[in-house]
Amino acid sequence: MSNIEHWTSLTEAIDFAVSAVVDDEDPLNERELADGNQYVMRILRAVGETSLVSFDFERPSFLTMFESVRHLGAAGPDIDYDVAILSPGQRYVITGVRGDASYVGIVVYGASGAEGASSILASVDIDDLVDPTGAFTYEFDYPDAARVIIRQYFHDRSVESRGTWEIDRIDAPASGQSAETPLPQMAIVGHQISNGAKTLTWNAQLNRLWTPERRAYPNEFVRLAAEDIVAAVPNPDVTYAFTWWRLAADESLVIEVRPPETRYWAVQLCDRWFQSYPQRQTNLNGQQVEYRDDGTVRIVLAETDPGTANWLETSGHTTGVVFFRWLHADPETLPTCRVVPVGQLE
């Protein structure tokens, strides 16, 4: 591929990402158009950062998810994602200390396919590995392994400390003297540009890969397991309850749910591009919600604060997705929805 062809692939990916916003099947108001264009800029920033990361396949390391991608692809505001890129067919060992997060889990993934989907090769809850001091060791060897992600779920980051860990290739060659950082080579840079185009295209079409057929049935939750949304690189320790939501400006969506007994659950609101907004009221976990006396929870989606408990802010958007994460749990009943005029909320 020539130099111009690398850049052509990226400009075509940008055109595709913009069209995924402006040509969306639902009408766009000014707020949605602004957030949609900001979404494209977020992806571009993320692609620029991640494309320039240099991975050492002989001496891998964990990279905490860039801030630029922290709230793309329905990533959870309560969740930290540490990612290491692997060389297929090699043996690895992860060692570390658990930390205070409500949940810490390791998932090994296979290579991505044409639509960005990644097979799940292994999953382990670190609580099954830790010793009395909180330390753990995990060894693995999978022929198709391409990356490993460690997730930490927090209820309150102000009082829960992060865990620490490192990864080593067991049969890596012995390290010699530190080598100088290699100068850029066009073959490598060209690959980075082309790979950035693929990443941009994948992110721009996530809402077409994650159960797009449910968009025709808004305000109606369905149960989803990890294998149902493999394109989104899910956590197999989690069951999801998912729906598209659709509201007029003077409407609210009342969601009622009986949360199961679990270490962690949360509800997250995103726009139609699976983009969340941590600076807005778009996520609540099981320690943040207000419960009723009977153990149920009522959550209200509305454009502005209706003065009720457990409000999630739609921020002028008319449609998007909302979903629950249930850790190590599969509720017998799904959340229910009803559309209520804002002025008639109890």
Protein backbone atom coordinates (compact mmCIF):
# COMPACT_ATOMS: atom_id res chain seq x y z
CA MET A 1 0.00 0.00 0.00
CA SER A 2 1.41 3.39 -0.99
CA ASN A 3 1.71 6.43 1.26
CA ILE A 4 -1.32 8.13 -0.30
CA GLU A 5 -3.38 4.94 0.04
CA HIS A 6 -2.74 4.85 3.80
CA TRP A 7 -4.07 8.38 4.17
CA THR A 8 -6.95 7.71 1.79
CA SER A 9 -8.08 4.87 4.06
CA LEU A 10 -8.10 7.28 7.01
CA THR A 11 -9.97 10.07 5.21
CA GLU A 12 -12.53 7.51 4.03
CA ALA A 13 -12.92 6.35 7.63
CA ILE A 14 -13.49 9.95 8.75
CA ASP A 15 -16.16 10.38 6.07
CA PHE A 16 -17.79 7.17 7.25
CA ALA A 17 -17.75 8.29 10.90
CA VAL A 18 -19.31 11.67 10.04
CA SER A 19 -21.99 9.98 7.93
CA ALA A 20 -22.78 7.65 10.84
CA VAL A 21 -23.73 10.78 12.77
CA VAL A 22 -25.42 13.07 10.26
CA ASP A 23 -27.22 10.26 8.39
CA ASP A 24 -28.54 8.53 11.50
CA GLU A 25 -31.94 6.92 11.01
CA ASP A 26 -33.53 9.14 13.68
CA PRO A 27 -33.73 12.95 13.34
CA LEU A 28 -31.08 15.04 15.08
CA ASN A 29 -31.72 18.17 17.09
CA GLU A 30 -28.97 20.74 17.75
CA ARG A 31 -27.80 19.11 20.99
CA GLU A 32 -27.61 15.68 19.38
CA LEU A 33 -25.76 17.04 16.36
CA ALA A 34 -23.24 18.76 18.63
CA ASP A 35 -22.66 15.65 20.75
CA GLY A 36 -22.48 13.50 17.61
CA ASN A 37 -19.78 15.64 16.04
CA GLN A 38 -17.94 15.71 19.36
CA TYR A 39 -18.15 11.91 19.28
CA VAL A 40 -16.28 11.83 15.95
CA MET A 41 -13.61 14.13 17.41
CA ARG A 42 -13.30 11.88 20.48
CA ILE A 43 -12.73 8.86 18.25
CA LEU A 44 -10.13 10.74 16.20
CA ARG A 45 -8.26 11.71 19.35
CA ALA A 46 -8.40 8.13 20.62
CA VAL A 47 -7.20 6.76 17.29
CA GLY A 48 -4.32 9.22 17.22
CA GLU A 49 -3.17 8.27 20.71
CA THR A 50 -3.56 4.50 20.45
CA SER A 51 -2.07 4.26 16.96
CA LEU A 52 1.23 5.71 18.18
CA VAL A 53 1.61 3.35 21.13
CA SER A 54 4.59 1.05 20.63
CA PHE A 55 3.99 -2.48 21.90
CA ASP A 56 6.84 -4.82 22.79
CA PHE A 57 5.57 -8.35 22.18
CA GLU A 58 8.55 -9.87 23.97
CA ARG A 59 8.09 -7.69 27.06
CA PRO A 60 4.37 -6.77 27.29
CA SER A 61 2.92 -4.33 29.78
CA PHE A 62 -0.50 -3.12 30.85
CA LEU A 63 -1.79 0.16 29.52
CA THR A 64 -4.61 1.87 31.37
CA MET A 65 -7.32 2.92 28.92
CA PHE A 66 -6.65 6.40 27.56
CA GLU A 67 -8.88 9.14 28.93
CA SER A 68 -9.93 9.87 25.35
CA VAL A 69 -11.64 6.47 25.08
CA ARG A 70 -12.86 6.18 28.68
CA HIS A 71 -16.44 6.98 27.73
CA LEU A 72 -16.72 5.58 24.20
CA GLY A 73 -18.23 2.23 23.31
CA ALA A 74 -20.44 2.14 26.43
CA ALA A 75 -17.40 1.88 28.71
CA GLY A 76 -18.56 2.12 32.32
CA PRO A 77 -17.69 5.27 34.32
CA ASP A 78 -17.23 3.04 37.39
CA ILE A 79 -14.81 0.75 35.57
CA ASP A 80 -11.06 0.90 34.93
CA TYR A 81 -9.74 -1.13 31.99
CA ASP A 82 -6.06 -2.18 31.83
CA VAL A 83 -5.08 -3.71 28.48
CA ALA A 84 -2.04 -5.70 27.36
CA ILE A 85 -1.39 -6.79 23.77
CA LEU A 86 -0.24 -10.40 23.38
CA SER A 87 1.67 -12.50 20.88
CA PRO A 88 -0.45 -15.58 20.00
CA GLY A 89 0.85 -18.94 21.16
CA GLN A 90 3.08 -17.63 23.96
CA ARG A 91 2.92 -18.29 27.72
CA TYR A 92 2.25 -15.40 30.08
CA VAL A 93 2.07 -14.79 33.80
CA ILE A 94 0.28 -11.92 35.53
CA THR A 95 1.26 -11.07 39.10
CA GLY A 96 -0.14 -8.34 41.29
CA VAL A 97 -2.08 -7.11 44.30
CA ARG A 98 -5.84 -6.93 44.17
CA GLY A 99 -6.61 -3.48 45.63
CA ASP A 100 -9.98 -2.40 47.06
CA ALA A 101 -12.27 -2.39 44.01
CA SER A 102 -15.60 -4.14 44.41
CA TYR A 103 -14.63 -6.54 41.62
CA VAL A 104 -11.43 -7.31 39.71
CA GLY A 105 -11.49 -9.71 36.76
CA ILE A 106 -9.15 -10.93 34.03
CA VAL A 107 -10.38 -11.76 30.51
CA VAL A 108 -8.23 -13.13 27.69
CA TYR A 109 -9.51 -12.34 24.17
CA GLY A 110 -8.75 -13.68 20.72
CA ALA A 111 -8.00 -11.57 17.67
CA SER A 112 -10.61 -9.19 16.30
CA GLY A 113 -12.56 -10.15 13.22
CA ALA A 114 -13.85 -8.07 10.32
CA GLU A 115 -16.50 -6.42 12.50
CA GLY A 116 -14.27 -5.88 15.50
CA ALA A 117 -15.61 -8.89 17.39
CA SER A 118 -13.25 -10.69 19.75
CA SER A 119 -13.67 -14.24 21.02
CA ILE A 120 -13.46 -14.79 24.78
CA LEU A 121 -10.81 -17.41 25.56
CA ALA A 122 -10.73 -17.27 29.36
CA SER A 123 -12.20 -15.37 32.27
CA VAL A 124 -11.30 -15.39 35.96
CA ASP A 125 -12.45 -13.47 39.05
CA ILE A 126 -9.28 -12.44 40.88
CA ASP A 127 -10.96 -13.26 44.20
CA ASP A 128 -10.53 -16.91 43.18
CA LEU A 129 -6.76 -16.38 42.98
CA VAL A 130 -5.73 -14.03 45.79
CA ASP A 131 -3.87 -15.14 48.88
CA PRO A 132 -4.53 -13.68 52.37
CA THR A 133 -2.31 -10.69 51.56
CA GLY A 134 -4.29 -9.83 48.41
CA ALA A 135 -1.52 -10.97 46.04
CA PHE A 136 -2.25 -13.23 43.07
CA THR A 137 -0.61 -15.04 40.16
CA TYR A 138 -2.31 -16.08 36.92
CA GLU A 139 -0.61 -18.05 34.14
CA PHE A 140 -2.15 -18.70 30.72
CA ASP A 141 -1.29 -20.00 27.29
CA TYR A 142 -3.78 -19.80 24.39
CA PRO A 143 -2.82 -20.22 20.72
CA ASP A 144 -5.19 -17.47 19.59
CA ALA A 145 -4.67 -14.98 22.45
CA ALA A 146 -4.38 -11.39 21.21
CA ARG A 147 -5.00 -9.25 24.31
CA VAL A 148 -5.87 -9.45 27.97
CA ILE A 149 -7.99 -6.94 29.90
CA ILE A 150 -8.14 -6.49 33.67
CA ARG A 151 -11.29 -4.72 34.81
CA GLN A 152 -11.84 -3.02 38.16
CA TYR A 153 -15.37 -2.06 39.24
CA PHE A 154 -15.61 0.74 41.81
CA HIS A 155 -18.56 1.86 43.91
CA ASP A 156 -16.66 4.86 45.27
CA ARG A 157 -13.23 5.71 43.86
CA SER A 158 -12.55 8.13 46.71
CA VAL A 159 -12.22 5.28 49.21
CA GLU A 160 -11.37 2.26 47.01
CA SER A 161 -7.74 1.98 45.88
CA ARG A 162 -6.66 0.59 42.50
CA GLY A 163 -4.90 -2.73 42.25
CA THR A 164 -1.40 -3.05 40.79
CA TRP A 165 -0.09 -5.75 38.45
CA GLU A 166 2.35 -6.58 35.70
CA ILE A 167 2.53 -9.15 32.91
CA ASP A 168 5.53 -11.11 31.68
CA ARG A 169 6.10 -13.49 28.80
CA ILE A 170 7.42 -16.62 30.43
CA ASP A 171 9.68 -17.65 27.56
CA ALA A 172 10.76 -14.15 26.51
CA PRO A 173 14.42 -13.75 25.55
CA ALA A 174 16.66 -12.42 28.29
CA SER A 175 16.88 -8.65 28.13
CA GLY A 176 20.17 -7.11 27.22
CA GLN A 177 21.23 -3.52 27.37
CA SER A 178 18.46 -1.01 26.81
CA ALA A 179 18.13 -0.30 23.13
CA GLU A 180 17.57 3.16 21.73
CA THR A 181 14.08 4.04 20.66
CA PRO A 182 13.97 3.12 16.95
CA LEU A 183 13.44 5.88 14.42
CA PRO A 184 10.12 5.82 12.53
CA GLN A 185 9.95 3.56 9.50
CA MET A 186 7.35 4.18 6.79
CA ALA A 187 6.19 0.56 6.80
CA ILE A 188 5.36 0.84 10.51
CA VAL A 189 3.84 4.31 10.31
CA GLY A 190 1.76 3.30 7.29
CA HIS A 191 0.44 0.34 9.26
CA GLN A 192 -0.42 2.67 12.15
CA ILE A 193 -2.39 4.94 9.83
CA SER A 194 -4.29 2.04 8.25
CA ASN A 195 -4.96 0.44 11.62
CA GLY A 196 -6.25 3.80 12.88
CA ALA A 197 -8.70 3.89 9.96
CA LYS A 198 -10.01 0.45 10.90
CA THR A 199 -10.38 1.46 14.57
CA LEU A 200 -12.21 4.63 13.58
CA THR A 201 -14.61 2.70 11.35
CA TRP A 202 -15.30 0.11 14.04
CA ASN A 203 -16.11 2.71 16.70
CA ALA A 204 -18.34 4.68 14.34
CA GLN A 205 -20.54 1.66 13.63
CA LEU A 206 -20.80 0.14 17.13
CA ASN A 207 -24.51 0.95 17.31
CA ARG A 208 -24.92 -1.17 14.18
CA LEU A 209 -23.03 -4.09 15.72
CA TRP A 210 -24.55 -4.19 19.23
CA THR A 211 -28.08 -5.63 18.70
CA PRO A 212 -29.20 -2.94 16.20
CA GLU A 213 -32.52 -4.76 15.73
CA ARG A 214 -33.56 -3.67 19.23
CA ARG A 215 -33.74 -0.05 18.05
CA ALA A 216 -37.17 -0.83 16.57
CA TYR A 217 -38.42 -1.83 20.04
CA PRO A 218 -37.57 1.10 22.33
CA ASN A 219 -38.31 1.20 26.06
CA GLU A 220 -38.37 -2.60 26.32
CA PHE A 221 -35.54 -4.40 28.12
CA VAL A 222 -34.02 -7.65 26.92
CA ARG A 223 -31.43 -9.85 28.61
CA LEU A 224 -28.02 -10.03 26.94
CA ALA A 225 -25.10 -12.28 27.78
CA ALA A 226 -21.50 -11.62 26.75
CA GLU A 227 -21.80 -13.79 23.63
CA ASP A 228 -24.70 -11.60 22.43
CA ILE A 229 -22.54 -8.46 22.27
CA VAL A 230 -19.10 -9.83 21.52
CA ALA A 231 -18.42 -6.90 19.18
CA ALA A 232 -18.32 -4.64 22.24
CA VAL A 233 -15.62 -6.72 24.01
CA PRO A 234 -17.88 -7.54 26.99
CA ASN A 235 -17.20 -8.99 30.42
CA PRO A 236 -18.37 -12.64 30.57
CA ASP A 237 -18.85 -12.32 34.37
CA VAL A 238 -21.70 -9.88 33.69
CA THR A 239 -25.27 -10.28 32.50
CA TYR A 240 -26.73 -7.22 30.79
CA ALA A 241 -30.28 -5.89 30.63
CA PHE A 242 -30.47 -3.58 27.62
CA THR A 243 -32.89 -1.32 25.78
CA TRP A 244 -32.94 1.55 23.37
CA TRP A 245 -34.89 4.43 24.89
CA ARG A 246 -36.97 6.97 22.99
CA LEU A 247 -38.63 10.07 24.51
CA ALA A 248 -40.11 13.42 23.56
CA ALA A 249 -38.81 16.53 25.32
CA ASP A 250 -41.73 16.62 27.78
CA GLU A 251 -41.62 12.90 28.55
CA SER A 252 -39.76 10.82 31.11
CA LEU A 253 -39.04 7.12 31.20
CA VAL A 254 -39.74 5.43 34.52
CA ILE A 255 -37.73 2.23 34.97
CA GLU A 256 -38.59 -0.09 37.84
CA VAL A 257 -36.35 -2.96 38.87
CA ARG A 258 -35.69 -5.38 41.71
CA PRO A 259 -31.89 -5.68 41.80
CA PRO A 260 -30.50 -9.16 42.48
CA GLU A 261 -28.14 -9.97 45.32
CA THR A 262 -24.73 -9.16 43.84
CA ARG A 263 -21.45 -7.47 44.71
CA TYR A 264 -21.95 -4.89 41.97
CA TRP A 265 -24.68 -3.65 39.68
CA ALA A 266 -25.14 -0.37 37.85
CA VAL A 267 -27.36 1.33 35.32
CA GLN A 268 -25.78 3.45 32.57
CA LEU A 269 -27.32 5.89 30.09
CA CYS A 270 -25.70 6.54 26.70
CA ASP A 271 -26.63 8.44 23.57
CA ARG A 272 -27.36 6.76 20.23
CA TRP A 273 -23.63 6.30 19.56
CA PHE A 274 -23.02 4.46 22.85
CA GLN A 275 -21.25 7.51 24.25
CA SER A 276 -21.58 8.24 27.97
CA TYR A 277 -21.13 11.58 29.73
CA PRO A 278 -19.50 11.37 33.17
CA GLN A 279 -19.89 15.11 33.70
CA ARG A 280 -23.65 14.63 33.43
CA GLN A 281 -25.89 12.41 35.57
CA THR A 282 -25.69 9.28 33.40
CA ASN A 283 -24.58 6.43 35.70
CA LEU A 284 -25.74 5.04 39.04
CA ASN A 285 -24.45 1.98 40.87
CA GLY A 286 -26.05 -0.12 43.58
CA GLN A 287 -24.55 1.95 46.40
CA GLN A 288 -25.63 5.27 44.88
CA VAL A 289 -29.32 4.60 44.21
CA GLU A 290 -32.15 5.18 46.65
CA TYR A 291 -34.10 1.98 47.36
CA ARG A 292 -37.76 1.62 48.22
CA ASP A 293 -38.78 -0.14 51.43
CA ASP A 294 -39.54 -3.33 49.48
CA GLY A 295 -36.05 -3.46 47.94
CA THR A 296 -37.08 -2.24 44.48
CA VAL A 297 -35.61 0.77 42.71
CA ARG A 298 -37.28 3.37 40.50
CA ILE A 299 -35.04 5.17 38.00
CA VAL A 300 -36.21 8.19 36.00
CA LEU A 301 -34.81 9.28 32.62
CA ALA A 302 -35.61 12.90 31.84
CA GLU A 303 -34.06 15.92 30.12
CA THR A 304 -33.81 17.98 33.32
CA ASP A 305 -33.90 17.10 36.99
CA PRO A 306 -37.53 16.23 37.84
CA GLY A 307 -36.83 16.40 41.57
CA THR A 308 -37.16 12.65 42.06
CA ALA A 309 -34.62 10.12 43.28
CA ASN A 310 -32.38 8.20 40.86
CA TRP A 311 -32.52 10.64 37.94
CA LEU A 312 -30.52 10.00 34.76
CA GLU A 313 -30.06 12.98 32.43
CA THR A 314 -30.99 12.64 28.75
CA SER A 315 -29.45 16.09 28.10
CA GLY A 316 -31.74 17.06 25.22
CA HIS A 317 -31.31 13.73 23.40
CA THR A 318 -34.42 11.97 22.12
CA THR A 319 -33.03 8.44 21.81
CA GLY A 320 -30.14 6.32 22.99
CA VAL A 321 -29.39 3.18 24.98
CA VAL A 322 -29.64 2.34 28.66
CA PHE A 323 -28.46 -0.86 30.24
CA PHE A 324 -27.85 -2.60 33.54
CA ARG A 325 -24.74 -4.58 34.47
CA TRP A 326 -25.33 -7.47 36.89
CA LEU A 327 -22.11 -9.04 38.20
CA HIS A 328 -22.31 -12.81 38.74
CA ALA A 329 -26.11 -12.58 38.66
CA ASP A 330 -28.96 -13.26 36.26
CA PRO A 331 -32.20 -11.66 37.52
CA GLU A 332 -35.40 -13.66 37.15
CA THR A 333 -37.30 -10.56 36.04
CA LEU A 334 -36.11 -7.76 33.77
CA PRO A 335 -36.55 -4.04 34.46
CA THR A 336 -39.86 -2.60 33.24
CA CYS A 337 -40.42 0.76 31.49
CA ARG A 338 -43.28 3.19 31.13
CA VAL A 339 -43.34 6.62 29.50
CA VAL A 340 -44.79 9.33 31.77
CA PRO A 341 -45.25 13.04 31.04
CA VAL A 342 -42.70 14.95 33.17
CA GLY A 343 -45.45 16.93 34.89
CA GLN A 344 -47.18 13.74 36.03
CA LEU A 345 -44.22 12.15 37.79
CA GLU A 346 -44.99 11.21 41.39
